[in-house]
C-alpha atoms as a PDB file:
ATOM      1  CA  UNK A   1     -30.676  19.186 -27.074  1.00  0.00           C
ATOM      2  CA  UNK A   2     -31.224  17.448 -30.430  1.00  0.00           C
ATOM      3  CA  UNK A   3     -29.197  14.326 -31.052  1.00  0.00           C
ATOM      4  CA  UNK A   4     -26.456  14.547 -33.636  1.00  0.00           C
ATOM      5  CA  UNK A   5     -24.643  11.278 -34.280  1.00  0.00           C
ATOM      6  CA  UNK A   6     -20.851  11.327 -34.202  1.00  0.00           C
ATOM      7  CA  UNK A   7     -19.562  10.402 -37.651  1.00  0.00           C
ATOM      8  CA  UNK A   8     -15.872  10.199 -36.648  1.00  0.00           C
ATOM      9  CA  UNK A   9     -15.438   8.107 -33.515  1.00  0.00           C
ATOM     10  CA  UNK A  10     -12.387   7.171 -31.494  1.00  0.00           C
ATOM     11  CA  UNK A  11     -12.255   4.095 -29.294  1.00  0.00           C
ATOM     12  CA  UNK A  12     -10.514   4.069 -25.914  1.00  0.00           C
ATOM     13  CA  UNK A  13      -9.569   0.704 -24.434  1.00  0.00           C
ATOM     14  CA  UNK A  14      -9.374   0.587 -20.623  1.00  0.00           C
ATOM     15  CA  UNK A  15      -6.882  -2.227 -20.351  1.00  0.00           C
ATOM     16  CA  UNK A  16      -6.862  -3.430 -16.743  1.00  0.00           C
ATOM     17  CA  UNK A  17      -8.219  -0.975 -14.157  1.00  0.00           C
ATOM     18  CA  UNK A  18      -7.745  -1.183 -10.389  1.00  0.00           C
ATOM     19  CA  UNK A  19     -10.766  -3.252  -9.407  1.00  0.00           C
ATOM     20  CA  UNK A  20     -10.691  -6.748  -7.925  1.00  0.00           C
ATOM     21  CA  UNK A  21     -10.958  -8.480 -11.311  1.00  0.00           C
ATOM     22  CA  UNK A  22      -7.499 -10.036 -11.358  1.00  0.00           C
ATOM     23  CA  UNK A  23      -8.748 -13.463 -10.229  1.00  0.00           C
ATOM     24  CA  UNK A  24     -12.018 -13.394 -12.199  1.00  0.00           C
ATOM     25  CA  UNK A  25     -10.464 -13.755 -15.649  1.00  0.00           C
ATOM     26  CA  UNK A  26      -7.061 -15.000 -16.814  1.00  0.00           C
ATOM     27  CA  UNK A  27      -7.206 -12.312 -19.507  1.00  0.00           C
ATOM     28  CA  UNK A  28      -6.844  -9.423 -17.050  1.00  0.00           C
ATOM     29  CA  UNK A  29      -3.201  -8.350 -17.458  1.00  0.00           C
ATOM     30  CA  UNK A  30      -1.007  -7.950 -14.382  1.00  0.00           C
ATOM     31  CA  UNK A  31       2.652  -7.417 -15.251  1.00  0.00           C
ATOM     32  CA  UNK A  32       3.854  -4.353 -17.185  1.00  0.00           C
ATOM     33  CA  UNK A  33       4.618  -6.591 -20.171  1.00  0.00           C
ATOM     34  CA  UNK A  34       1.137  -8.137 -20.084  1.00  0.00           C
ATOM     35  CA  UNK A  35      -0.505  -4.718 -19.739  1.00  0.00           C
ATOM     36  CA  UNK A  36       1.538  -3.232 -22.579  1.00  0.00           C
ATOM     37  CA  UNK A  37       1.023  -6.279 -24.819  1.00  0.00           C
ATOM     38  CA  UNK A  38      -2.737  -6.150 -24.219  1.00  0.00           C
ATOM     39  CA  UNK A  39      -2.750  -2.402 -24.957  1.00  0.00           C
ATOM     40  CA  UNK A  40      -0.841  -2.979 -28.197  1.00  0.00           C
ATOM     41  CA  UNK A  41      -3.242  -5.723 -29.283  1.00  0.00           C
ATOM     42  CA  UNK A  42      -6.152  -3.378 -28.535  1.00  0.00           C
ATOM     43  CA  UNK A  43      -4.514  -0.720 -30.705  1.00  0.00           C
ATOM     44  CA  UNK A  44      -4.135  -3.210 -33.533  1.00  0.00           C
ATOM     45  CA  UNK A  45      -7.846  -4.018 -33.177  1.00  0.00           C
ATOM     46  CA  UNK A  46      -8.797  -0.354 -33.630  1.00  0.00           C
ATOM     47  CA  UNK A  47      -8.343   1.479 -30.315  1.00  0.00           C
ATOM     48  CA  UNK A  48      -6.847   4.945 -30.843  1.00  0.00           C
ATOM     49  CA  UNK A  49      -6.373   5.451 -27.077  1.00  0.00           C
ATOM     50  CA  UNK A  50      -5.308   3.008 -24.360  1.00  0.00           C
ATOM     51  CA  UNK A  51      -6.105   3.818 -20.728  1.00  0.00           C
ATOM     52  CA  UNK A  52      -3.706   2.076 -18.337  1.00  0.00           C
ATOM     53  CA  UNK A  53      -3.421   1.365 -14.645  1.00  0.00           C
ATOM     54  CA  UNK A  54      -0.641  -0.844 -13.254  1.00  0.00           C
ATOM     55  CA  UNK A  55      -0.834  -3.816 -10.907  1.00  0.00           C
ATOM     56  CA  UNK A  56       1.518  -5.724  -8.665  1.00  0.00           C
ATOM     57  CA  UNK A  57       2.837  -8.406 -11.031  1.00  0.00           C
ATOM     58  CA  UNK A  58       2.633 -11.100  -8.352  1.00  0.00           C
ATOM     59  CA  UNK A  59      -0.731 -10.418  -6.694  1.00  0.00           C
ATOM     60  CA  UNK A  60      -2.566  -8.377  -9.317  1.00  0.00           C
ATOM     61  CA  UNK A  61      -3.405  -5.756  -6.685  1.00  0.00           C
ATOM     62  CA  UNK A  62      -3.564  -2.123  -7.876  1.00  0.00           C
ATOM     63  CA  UNK A  63      -0.303  -0.233  -7.594  1.00  0.00           C
ATOM     64  CA  UNK A  64       1.180   3.264  -7.847  1.00  0.00           C
ATOM     65  CA  UNK A  65       4.712   1.967  -8.417  1.00  0.00           C
ATOM     66  CA  UNK A  66       6.455   4.447 -10.699  1.00  0.00           C
ATOM     67  CA  UNK A  67       8.796   1.884 -12.244  1.00  0.00           C
ATOM     68  CA  UNK A  68       5.799  -0.214 -13.346  1.00  0.00           C
ATOM     69  CA  UNK A  69       4.248   2.805 -15.070  1.00  0.00           C
ATOM     70  CA  UNK A  70       7.536   3.630 -16.734  1.00  0.00           C
ATOM     71  CA  UNK A  71       7.916   0.085 -18.083  1.00  0.00           C
ATOM     72  CA  UNK A  72       4.365   0.102 -19.484  1.00  0.00           C
ATOM     73  CA  UNK A  73       4.997   3.507 -21.081  1.00  0.00           C
ATOM     74  CA  UNK A  74       8.282   2.465 -22.658  1.00  0.00           C
ATOM     75  CA  UNK A  75       6.835  -0.773 -24.033  1.00  0.00           C
ATOM     76  CA  UNK A  76       3.829   1.026 -25.541  1.00  0.00           C
ATOM     77  CA  UNK A  77       5.983   3.799 -26.992  1.00  0.00           C
ATOM     78  CA  UNK A  78       8.410   1.246 -28.502  1.00  0.00           C
ATOM     79  CA  UNK A  79       5.619  -0.751 -30.176  1.00  0.00           C
ATOM     80  CA  UNK A  80       5.362  -0.974 -33.940  1.00  0.00           C
ATOM     81  CA  UNK A  81       1.836   0.472 -33.812  1.00  0.00           C
ATOM     82  CA  UNK A  82       0.996   4.015 -32.765  1.00  0.00           C
ATOM     83  CA  UNK A  83      -1.537   4.683 -29.998  1.00  0.00           C
ATOM     84  CA  UNK A  84      -2.434   7.569 -27.677  1.00  0.00           C
ATOM     85  CA  UNK A  85      -1.416   6.790 -24.085  1.00  0.00           C
ATOM     86  CA  UNK A  86      -3.789   7.657 -21.246  1.00  0.00           C
ATOM     87  CA  UNK A  87      -2.514   6.892 -17.722  1.00  0.00           C
ATOM     88  CA  UNK A  88      -4.688   6.963 -14.630  1.00  0.00           C
ATOM     89  CA  UNK A  89      -4.033   9.592 -11.984  1.00  0.00           C
ATOM     90  CA  UNK A  90      -6.857   8.277  -9.839  1.00  0.00           C
ATOM     91  CA  UNK A  91      -4.786   6.295  -7.356  1.00  0.00           C
ATOM     92  CA  UNK A  92      -3.829   7.719  -3.965  1.00  0.00           C
ATOM     93  CA  UNK A  93      -7.270   8.969  -2.911  1.00  0.00           C
ATOM     94  CA  UNK A  94      -8.660   5.771  -1.397  1.00  0.00           C
ATOM     95  CA  UNK A  95     -10.202   6.135   2.064  1.00  0.00           C
ATOM     96  CA  UNK A  96     -11.522   3.040   3.849  1.00  0.00           C
ATOM     97  CA  UNK A  97     -13.229   3.756   7.136  1.00  0.00           C
ATOM     98  CA  UNK A  98     -13.741   1.499  10.135  1.00  0.00           C
ATOM     99  CA  UNK A  99     -17.155   0.084  10.980  1.00  0.00           C
ATOM    100  CA  UNK A 100     -20.297   2.204  11.275  1.00  0.00           C
ATOM    101  CA  UNK A 101     -19.906   2.700  15.039  1.00  0.00           C
ATOM    102  CA  UNK A 102     -16.165   3.329  14.892  1.00  0.00           C
ATOM    103  CA  UNK A 103     -15.360   4.969  11.549  1.00  0.00           C
ATOM    104  CA  UNK A 104     -12.048   6.319  12.849  1.00  0.00           C
ATOM    105  CA  UNK A 105      -9.272   5.456  12.699  1.00  0.00           C
ATOM    106  CA  UNK A 106      -9.398   4.465   9.040  1.00  0.00           C
ATOM    107  CA  UNK A 107      -8.206   1.036   7.984  1.00  0.00           C
ATOM    108  CA  UNK A 108      -4.522   1.611   7.278  1.00  0.00           C
ATOM    109  CA  UNK A 109      -4.117  -1.650   5.367  1.00  0.00           C
ATOM    110  CA  UNK A 110      -6.703  -0.587   2.777  1.00  0.00           C
ATOM    111  CA  UNK A 111      -6.435   3.222   2.835  1.00  0.00           C
ATOM    112  CA  UNK A 112      -4.092   4.863   0.321  1.00  0.00           C
ATOM    113  CA  UNK A 113      -4.083   8.642   0.765  1.00  0.00           C
ATOM    114  CA  UNK A 114      -1.177  10.708  -0.556  1.00  0.00           C
ATOM    115  CA  UNK A 115      -0.594  14.273  -1.697  1.00  0.00           C
ATOM    116  CA  UNK A 116      -1.092  15.768  -5.135  1.00  0.00           C
ATOM    117  CA  UNK A 117       2.581  15.667  -6.126  1.00  0.00           C
ATOM    118  CA  UNK A 118       2.899  11.982  -5.272  1.00  0.00           C
ATOM    119  CA  UNK A 119      -0.348  11.161  -7.073  1.00  0.00           C
ATOM    120  CA  UNK A 120       1.074  12.890 -10.148  1.00  0.00           C
ATOM    121  CA  UNK A 121       4.658  11.565  -9.945  1.00  0.00           C
ATOM    122  CA  UNK A 122       4.261   8.927 -12.680  1.00  0.00           C
ATOM    123  CA  UNK A 123       2.506  11.434 -14.957  1.00  0.00           C
ATOM    124  CA  UNK A 124       5.379  13.903 -14.571  1.00  0.00           C
ATOM    125  CA  UNK A 125       7.910  11.195 -15.425  1.00  0.00           C
ATOM    126  CA  UNK A 126       6.078   9.263 -18.154  1.00  0.00           C
ATOM    127  CA  UNK A 127       4.404  12.257 -19.903  1.00  0.00           C
ATOM    128  CA  UNK A 128       1.454  10.481 -21.524  1.00  0.00           C
ATOM    129  CA  UNK A 129      -0.743  12.484 -23.881  1.00  0.00           C
ATOM    130  CA  UNK A 130      -3.705  12.105 -21.496  1.00  0.00           C
ATOM    131  CA  UNK A 131      -4.227  11.344 -17.802  1.00  0.00           C
ATOM    132  CA  UNK A 132      -7.438  11.016 -15.830  1.00  0.00           C
ATOM    133  CA  UNK A 133      -8.849  13.493 -13.335  1.00  0.00           C
ATOM    134  CA  UNK A 134     -11.654  11.904 -11.263  1.00  0.00           C
ATOM    135  CA  UNK A 135     -13.638  15.078 -10.779  1.00  0.00           C
ATOM    136  CA  UNK A 136     -15.289  14.442  -7.408  1.00  0.00           C
ATOM    137  CA  UNK A 137     -15.536  12.401  -4.236  1.00  0.00           C
ATOM    138  CA  UNK A 138     -17.989   9.494  -4.220  1.00  0.00           C
ATOM    139  CA  UNK A 139     -19.048   6.293  -2.483  1.00  0.00           C
ATOM    140  CA  UNK A 140     -18.120   3.128  -4.341  1.00  0.00           C
ATOM    141  CA  UNK A 141     -19.814  -0.252  -4.057  1.00  0.00           C
ATOM    142  CA  UNK A 142     -17.788  -1.343  -1.033  1.00  0.00           C
ATOM    143  CA  UNK A 143     -19.468  -0.572   2.300  1.00  0.00           C
ATOM    144  CA  UNK A 144     -16.859   1.753   3.829  1.00  0.00           C
ATOM    145  CA  UNK A 145     -14.759   2.871   0.833  1.00  0.00           C
ATOM    146  CA  UNK A 146     -14.822   6.473  -0.375  1.00  0.00           C
ATOM    147  CA  UNK A 147     -12.968   7.684  -3.483  1.00  0.00           C
ATOM    148  CA  UNK A 148     -11.641  10.988  -2.168  1.00  0.00           C
ATOM    149  CA  UNK A 149     -10.995  13.940  -4.477  1.00  0.00           C
ATOM    150  CA  UNK A 150     -11.499  17.244  -2.675  1.00  0.00           C
ATOM    151  CA  UNK A 151     -11.884  20.522  -4.594  1.00  0.00           C
ATOM    152  CA  UNK A 152      -8.447  21.592  -3.359  1.00  0.00           C
ATOM    153  CA  UNK A 153      -6.836  18.338  -4.481  1.00  0.00           C
ATOM    154  CA  UNK A 154      -8.483  18.549  -7.892  1.00  0.00           C
ATOM    155  CA  UNK A 155      -7.390  22.141  -8.380  1.00  0.00           C
ATOM    156  CA  UNK A 156      -3.806  21.211  -7.501  1.00  0.00           C
ATOM    157  CA  UNK A 157      -3.701  18.104  -9.705  1.00  0.00           C
ATOM    158  CA  UNK A 158      -5.495  19.834 -12.565  1.00  0.00           C
ATOM    159  CA  UNK A 159      -2.967  22.672 -12.545  1.00  0.00           C
ATOM    160  CA  UNK A 160      -0.109  20.170 -12.555  1.00  0.00           C
ATOM    161  CA  UNK A 161      -1.592  18.432 -15.598  1.00  0.00           C
ATOM    162  CA  UNK A 162      -1.980  21.732 -17.436  1.00  0.00           C
ATOM    163  CA  UNK A 163       1.578  22.809 -16.555  1.00  0.00           C
ATOM    164  CA  UNK A 164       2.960  19.452 -17.767  1.00  0.00           C
ATOM    165  CA  UNK A 165       1.122  19.727 -21.079  1.00  0.00           C
ATOM    166  CA  UNK A 166      -0.821  16.510 -20.370  1.00  0.00           C
ATOM    167  CA  UNK A 167      -4.508  16.606 -21.332  1.00  0.00           C
ATOM    168  CA  UNK A 168      -6.801  15.833 -18.389  1.00  0.00           C
ATOM    169  CA  UNK A 169      -9.570  13.365 -19.139  1.00  0.00           C
ATOM    170  CA  UNK A 170     -12.266  14.464 -16.700  1.00  0.00           C
ATOM    171  CA  UNK A 171     -13.866  11.343 -15.242  1.00  0.00           C
ATOM    172  CA  UNK A 172     -17.465  12.324 -14.467  1.00  0.00           C
ATOM    173  CA  UNK A 173     -19.405   9.824 -12.357  1.00  0.00           C
ATOM    174  CA  UNK A 174     -22.331  12.186 -11.772  1.00  0.00           C
ATOM    175  CA  UNK A 175     -23.644  15.572 -12.886  1.00  0.00           C
ATOM    176  CA  UNK A 176     -21.986  17.404 -10.003  1.00  0.00           C
ATOM    177  CA  UNK A 177     -18.599  16.289 -11.306  1.00  0.00           C
ATOM    178  CA  UNK A 178     -19.357  18.035 -14.596  1.00  0.00           C
ATOM    179  CA  UNK A 179     -20.420  21.141 -12.674  1.00  0.00           C
ATOM    180  CA  UNK A 180     -17.045  21.266 -10.928  1.00  0.00           C
ATOM    181  CA  UNK A 181     -15.170  20.526 -14.173  1.00  0.00           C
ATOM    182  CA  UNK A 182     -16.777  23.595 -15.726  1.00  0.00           C
ATOM    183  CA  UNK A 183     -15.651  25.570 -12.681  1.00  0.00           C
ATOM    184  CA  UNK A 184     -12.049  24.397 -13.183  1.00  0.00           C
ATOM    185  CA  UNK A 185     -12.184  25.641 -16.775  1.00  0.00           C
ATOM    186  CA  UNK A 186     -13.765  28.933 -15.656  1.00  0.00           C
ATOM    187  CA  UNK A 187     -10.914  29.422 -13.183  1.00  0.00           C
ATOM    188  CA  UNK A 188      -8.321  28.772 -15.912  1.00  0.00           C
ATOM    189  CA  UNK A 189      -6.966  25.644 -14.212  1.00  0.00           C
ATOM    190  CA  UNK A 190      -8.049  23.422 -17.114  1.00  0.00           C
ATOM    191  CA  UNK A 191      -7.963  24.502 -20.741  1.00  0.00           C
ATOM    192  CA  UNK A 192     -11.029  24.631 -22.943  1.00  0.00           C
ATOM    193  CA  UNK A 193     -12.243  22.689 -24.839  1.00  0.00           C
ATOM    194  CA  UNK A 194     -11.916  20.034 -22.158  1.00  0.00           C
ATOM    195  CA  UNK A 195     -12.117  16.251 -22.530  1.00  0.00           C
ATOM    196  CA  UNK A 196     -14.720  14.295 -20.538  1.00  0.00           C
ATOM    197  CA  UNK A 197     -15.342  10.613 -19.906  1.00  0.00           C
ATOM    198  CA  UNK A 198     -18.923   9.907 -18.785  1.00  0.00           C
ATOM    199  CA  UNK A 199     -18.797   6.948 -16.387  1.00  0.00           C
ATOM    200  CA  UNK A 200     -22.173   5.184 -16.294  1.00  0.00           C
ATOM    201  CA  UNK A 201     -23.380   2.456 -13.966  1.00  0.00           C
ATOM    202  CA  UNK A 202     -20.551   2.666 -11.415  1.00  0.00           C
ATOM    203  CA  UNK A 203     -22.086   2.161  -7.940  1.00  0.00           C
ATOM    204  CA  UNK A 204     -22.945   4.702  -6.532  1.00  0.00           C
ATOM    205  CA  UNK A 205     -22.588   7.250  -9.266  1.00  0.00           C
ATOM    206  CA  UNK A 206     -24.813   7.889 -12.270  1.00  0.00           C
ATOM    207  CA  UNK A 207     -26.915   4.814 -13.139  1.00  0.00           C
ATOM    208  CA  UNK A 208     -26.705   3.408 -16.649  1.00  0.00           C
ATOM    209  CA  UNK A 209     -30.177   4.333 -17.882  1.00  0.00           C
ATOM    210  CA  UNK A 210     -30.696   6.499 -20.952  1.00  0.00           C
ATOM    211  CA  UNK A 211     -32.495   9.322 -19.144  1.00  0.00           C
ATOM    212  CA  UNK A 212     -29.568   9.772 -16.766  1.00  0.00           C
ATOM    213  CA  UNK A 213     -27.110   9.383 -19.631  1.00  0.00           C
ATOM    214  CA  UNK A 214     -28.755  12.182 -21.598  1.00  0.00           C
ATOM    215  CA  UNK A 215     -28.783  14.372 -18.475  1.00  0.00           C
ATOM    216  CA  UNK A 216     -25.011  13.853 -18.336  1.00  0.00           C
ATOM    217  CA  UNK A 217     -24.582  14.486 -22.079  1.00  0.00           C
ATOM    218  CA  UNK A 218     -26.654  17.679 -21.850  1.00  0.00           C
ATOM    219  CA  UNK A 219     -24.362  18.963 -19.098  1.00  0.00           C
ATOM    220  CA  UNK A 220     -21.244  18.721 -21.294  1.00  0.00           C
ATOM    221  CA  UNK A 221     -20.501  22.060 -23.022  1.00  0.00           C
ATOM    222  CA  UNK A 222     -21.134  21.810 -26.745  1.00  0.00           C
ATOM    223  CA  UNK A 223     -17.533  22.577 -27.722  1.00  0.00           C
ATOM    224  CA  UNK A 224     -15.970  19.973 -25.402  1.00  0.00           C
ATOM    225  CA  UNK A 225     -14.933  16.476 -26.497  1.00  0.00           C
ATOM    226  CA  UNK A 226     -16.475  13.559 -24.684  1.00  0.00           C
ATOM    227  CA  UNK A 227     -16.654   9.802 -24.496  1.00  0.00           C
ATOM    228  CA  UNK A 228     -18.700   7.371 -22.428  1.00  0.00           C
ATOM    229  CA  UNK A 229     -18.741   3.842 -21.071  1.00  0.00           C
ATOM    230  CA  UNK A 230     -20.956   1.594 -18.977  1.00  0.00           C
ATOM    231  CA  UNK A 231     -20.134  -1.500 -16.967  1.00  0.00           C
ATOM    232  CA  UNK A 232     -20.773  -5.182 -17.604  1.00  0.00           C
ATOM    233  CA  UNK A 233     -23.634  -6.131 -19.903  1.00  0.00           C
ATOM    234  CA  UNK A 234     -24.325  -2.445 -20.602  1.00  0.00           C
ATOM    235  CA  UNK A 235     -20.900  -1.903 -22.176  1.00  0.00           C
ATOM    236  CA  UNK A 236     -21.846  -2.543 -25.802  1.00  0.00           C
ATOM    237  CA  UNK A 237     -25.312  -0.915 -25.695  1.00  0.00           C
ATOM    238  CA  UNK A 238     -23.573   2.245 -24.507  1.00  0.00           C
ATOM    239  CA  UNK A 239     -21.167   2.071 -27.446  1.00  0.00           C
ATOM    240  CA  UNK A 240     -24.189   2.610 -29.688  1.00  0.00           C
ATOM    241  CA  UNK A 241     -25.823   5.140 -27.356  1.00  0.00           C
ATOM    242  CA  UNK A 242     -22.678   7.245 -27.093  1.00  0.00           C
ATOM    243  CA  UNK A 243     -22.127   7.406 -30.847  1.00  0.00           C
ATOM    244  CA  UNK A 244     -25.799   8.246 -31.420  1.00  0.00           C
ATOM    245  CA  UNK A 245     -25.636  11.045 -28.833  1.00  0.00           C
ATOM    246  CA  UNK A 246     -22.527  12.551 -30.467  1.00  0.00           C
ATOM    247  CA  UNK A 247     -19.717  11.063 -28.391  1.00  0.00           C
ATOM    248  CA  UNK A 248     -16.826   8.635 -28.523  1.00  0.00           C
ATOM    249  CA  UNK A 249     -16.609   5.245 -26.816  1.00  0.00           C
ATOM    250  CA  UNK A 250     -14.646   3.281 -24.248  1.00  0.00           C
ATOM    251  CA  UNK A 251     -14.510  -0.477 -23.797  1.00  0.00           C
ATOM    252  CA  UNK A 252     -12.073  -2.851 -22.109  1.00  0.00           C
ATOM    253  CA  UNK A 253     -11.493  -5.286 -19.289  1.00  0.00           C
ATOM    254  CA  UNK A 254     -11.531  -2.524 -16.688  1.00  0.00           C
ATOM    255  CA  UNK A 255     -15.274  -2.214 -17.341  1.00  0.00           C
ATOM    256  CA  UNK A 256     -16.428  -5.657 -18.512  1.00  0.00           C
ATOM    257  CA  UNK A 257     -14.883  -9.144 -18.591  1.00  0.00           C
ATOM    258  CA  UNK A 258     -17.246 -10.844 -21.045  1.00  0.00           C
ATOM    259  CA  UNK A 259     -17.591 -10.933 -24.814  1.00  0.00           C
ATOM    260  CA  UNK A 260     -21.021 -12.523 -24.406  1.00  0.00           C
ATOM    261  CA  UNK A 261     -22.763 -14.442 -21.648  1.00  0.00           C
ATOM    262  CA  UNK A 262     -20.309 -17.014 -20.237  1.00  0.00           C
ATOM    263  CA  UNK A 263     -17.500 -16.152 -22.699  1.00  0.00           C
ATOM    264  CA  UNK A 264     -14.511 -14.306 -21.274  1.00  0.00           C
ATOM    265  CA  UNK A 265     -13.146 -11.544 -23.497  1.00  0.00           C
ATOM    266  CA  UNK A 266      -9.756 -10.093 -24.305  1.00  0.00           C
ATOM    267  CA  UNK A 267      -9.266  -6.362 -24.704  1.00  0.00           C
ATOM    268  CA  UNK A 268      -8.739  -6.759 -28.439  1.00  0.00           C
ATOM    269  CA  UNK A 269     -12.004  -8.700 -28.797  1.00  0.00           C
ATOM    270  CA  UNK A 270     -13.951  -5.984 -26.986  1.00  0.00           C
ATOM    271  CA  UNK A 271     -12.432  -3.336 -29.252  1.00  0.00           C
ATOM    272  CA  UNK A 272     -13.274  -5.404 -32.342  1.00  0.00           C
ATOM    273  CA  UNK A 273     -16.880  -5.810 -31.184  1.00  0.00           C
ATOM    274  CA  UNK A 274     -17.211  -2.077 -30.513  1.00  0.00           C
ATOM    275  CA  UNK A 275     -15.685  -1.284 -33.913  1.00  0.00           C
ATOM    276  CA  UNK A 276     -18.245  -3.508 -35.622  1.00  0.00           C
ATOM    277  CA  UNK A 277     -21.103  -1.712 -33.855  1.00  0.00           C
ATOM    278  CA  UNK A 278     -19.721   1.713 -34.767  1.00  0.00           C
ATOM    279  CA  UNK A 279     -19.139   0.841 -38.422  1.00  0.00           C
ATOM    280  CA  UNK A 280     -22.552  -0.810 -38.722  1.00  0.00           C
ATOM    281  CA  UNK A 281     -24.052   2.486 -37.557  1.00  0.00           C
ATOM    282  CA  UNK A 282     -22.377   4.186 -40.517  1.00  0.00           C
ATOM    283  CA  UNK A 283     -19.674   6.020 -38.555  1.00  0.00           C
ATOM    284  CA  UNK A 284     -15.932   6.049 -39.220  1.00  0.00           C
ATOM    285  CA  UNK A 285     -13.323   4.971 -36.660  1.00  0.00           C
ATOM    286  CA  UNK A 286     -10.435   7.419 -36.403  1.00  0.00           C
ATOM    287  CA  UNK A 287      -6.849   6.648 -35.404  1.00  0.00           C
ATOM    288  CA  UNK A 288      -4.343   8.141 -32.975  1.00  0.00           C
ATOM    289  CA  UNK A 289      -3.018  10.914 -35.230  1.00  0.00           C
ATOM    290  CA  UNK A 290      -6.537  12.202 -35.866  1.00  0.00           C
ATOM    291  CA  UNK A 291      -7.226  12.054 -32.120  1.00  0.00           C
ATOM    292  CA  UNK A 292      -4.088  14.068 -31.379  1.00  0.00           C
ATOM    293  CA  UNK A 293      -5.163  16.734 -33.873  1.00  0.00           C
ATOM    294  CA  UNK A 294      -8.714  16.811 -32.532  1.00  0.00           C
ATOM    295  CA  UNK A 295      -7.682  17.057 -28.878  1.00  0.00           C
ATOM    296  CA  UNK A 296      -4.485  19.082 -29.289  1.00  0.00           C
ATOM    297  CA  UNK A 297      -2.224  16.351 -27.898  1.00  0.00           C
ATOM    298  CA  UNK A 298       1.565  16.035 -28.002  1.00  0.00           C
ATOM    299  CA  UNK A 299       3.243  12.636 -28.146  1.00  0.00           C
ATOM    300  CA  UNK A 300       6.318  12.435 -25.916  1.00  0.00           C
ATOM    301  CA  UNK A 301       8.440   9.787 -24.275  1.00  0.00           C
ATOM    302  CA  UNK A 302       9.243   9.393 -20.578  1.00  0.00           C
ATOM    303  CA  UNK A 303      11.794  11.712 -18.986  1.00  0.00           C
END
């Protein structure tokens, strides 16, 4: 398809993630207050959307604790600056097998597998405008870890999101994930136009080269809304690539810890750098109210 640059771009900031970055940079927020404060600073820097996980405040380990999500939500909603809230629903599908000769039983200490209702409990209580739907099962970088999202689980969670009035952000790590997302829309489980996040360079999903990126872009229906990100040093090049290809952008400490080689970043600094790239390309950065109108979102508080 011919390229058509996006002239009105929104920035998502992925504030903390669930990866093992908590001890690699002091800027990775852990507590609900730190996560919310970092999200608010990112919003002040130009992010229209903040994507939030929560962590154990003491260890920094990823968490599904509902009270932590509620505190982050309340702090963000009470802030003096408006921002669209996007909470992860990706936790609870983590399968870690035993060694290659004895894959079963799974490693209980590392495996976190729960049902659809429990995976969605914090979404039902906090009612963010957006939550993520990781649209497929895939191997991650770790030797025996599989991110598990079966078709049945995705249908159940997707229907819950639709029934709650929370917009799913389809996380597509490969072209097959987009194929299944289109099936969910065809079945009426997800509404159209859908919202997609193209996740580039996550081992072992779609690599972060431009040929693969354009294959992903060309598999997104023309009337859907989409955004993209890439990890590490590819983060900022993909800001430009995404805008040029017609999409929106995501940056943040979930995806990259550095502002430049050897210089640790904050979320706000990454947003500011992305905003400079976007504006230097001649595009306009839009705010949360414009994003809500574009995506059909409703701002609500927690139940």
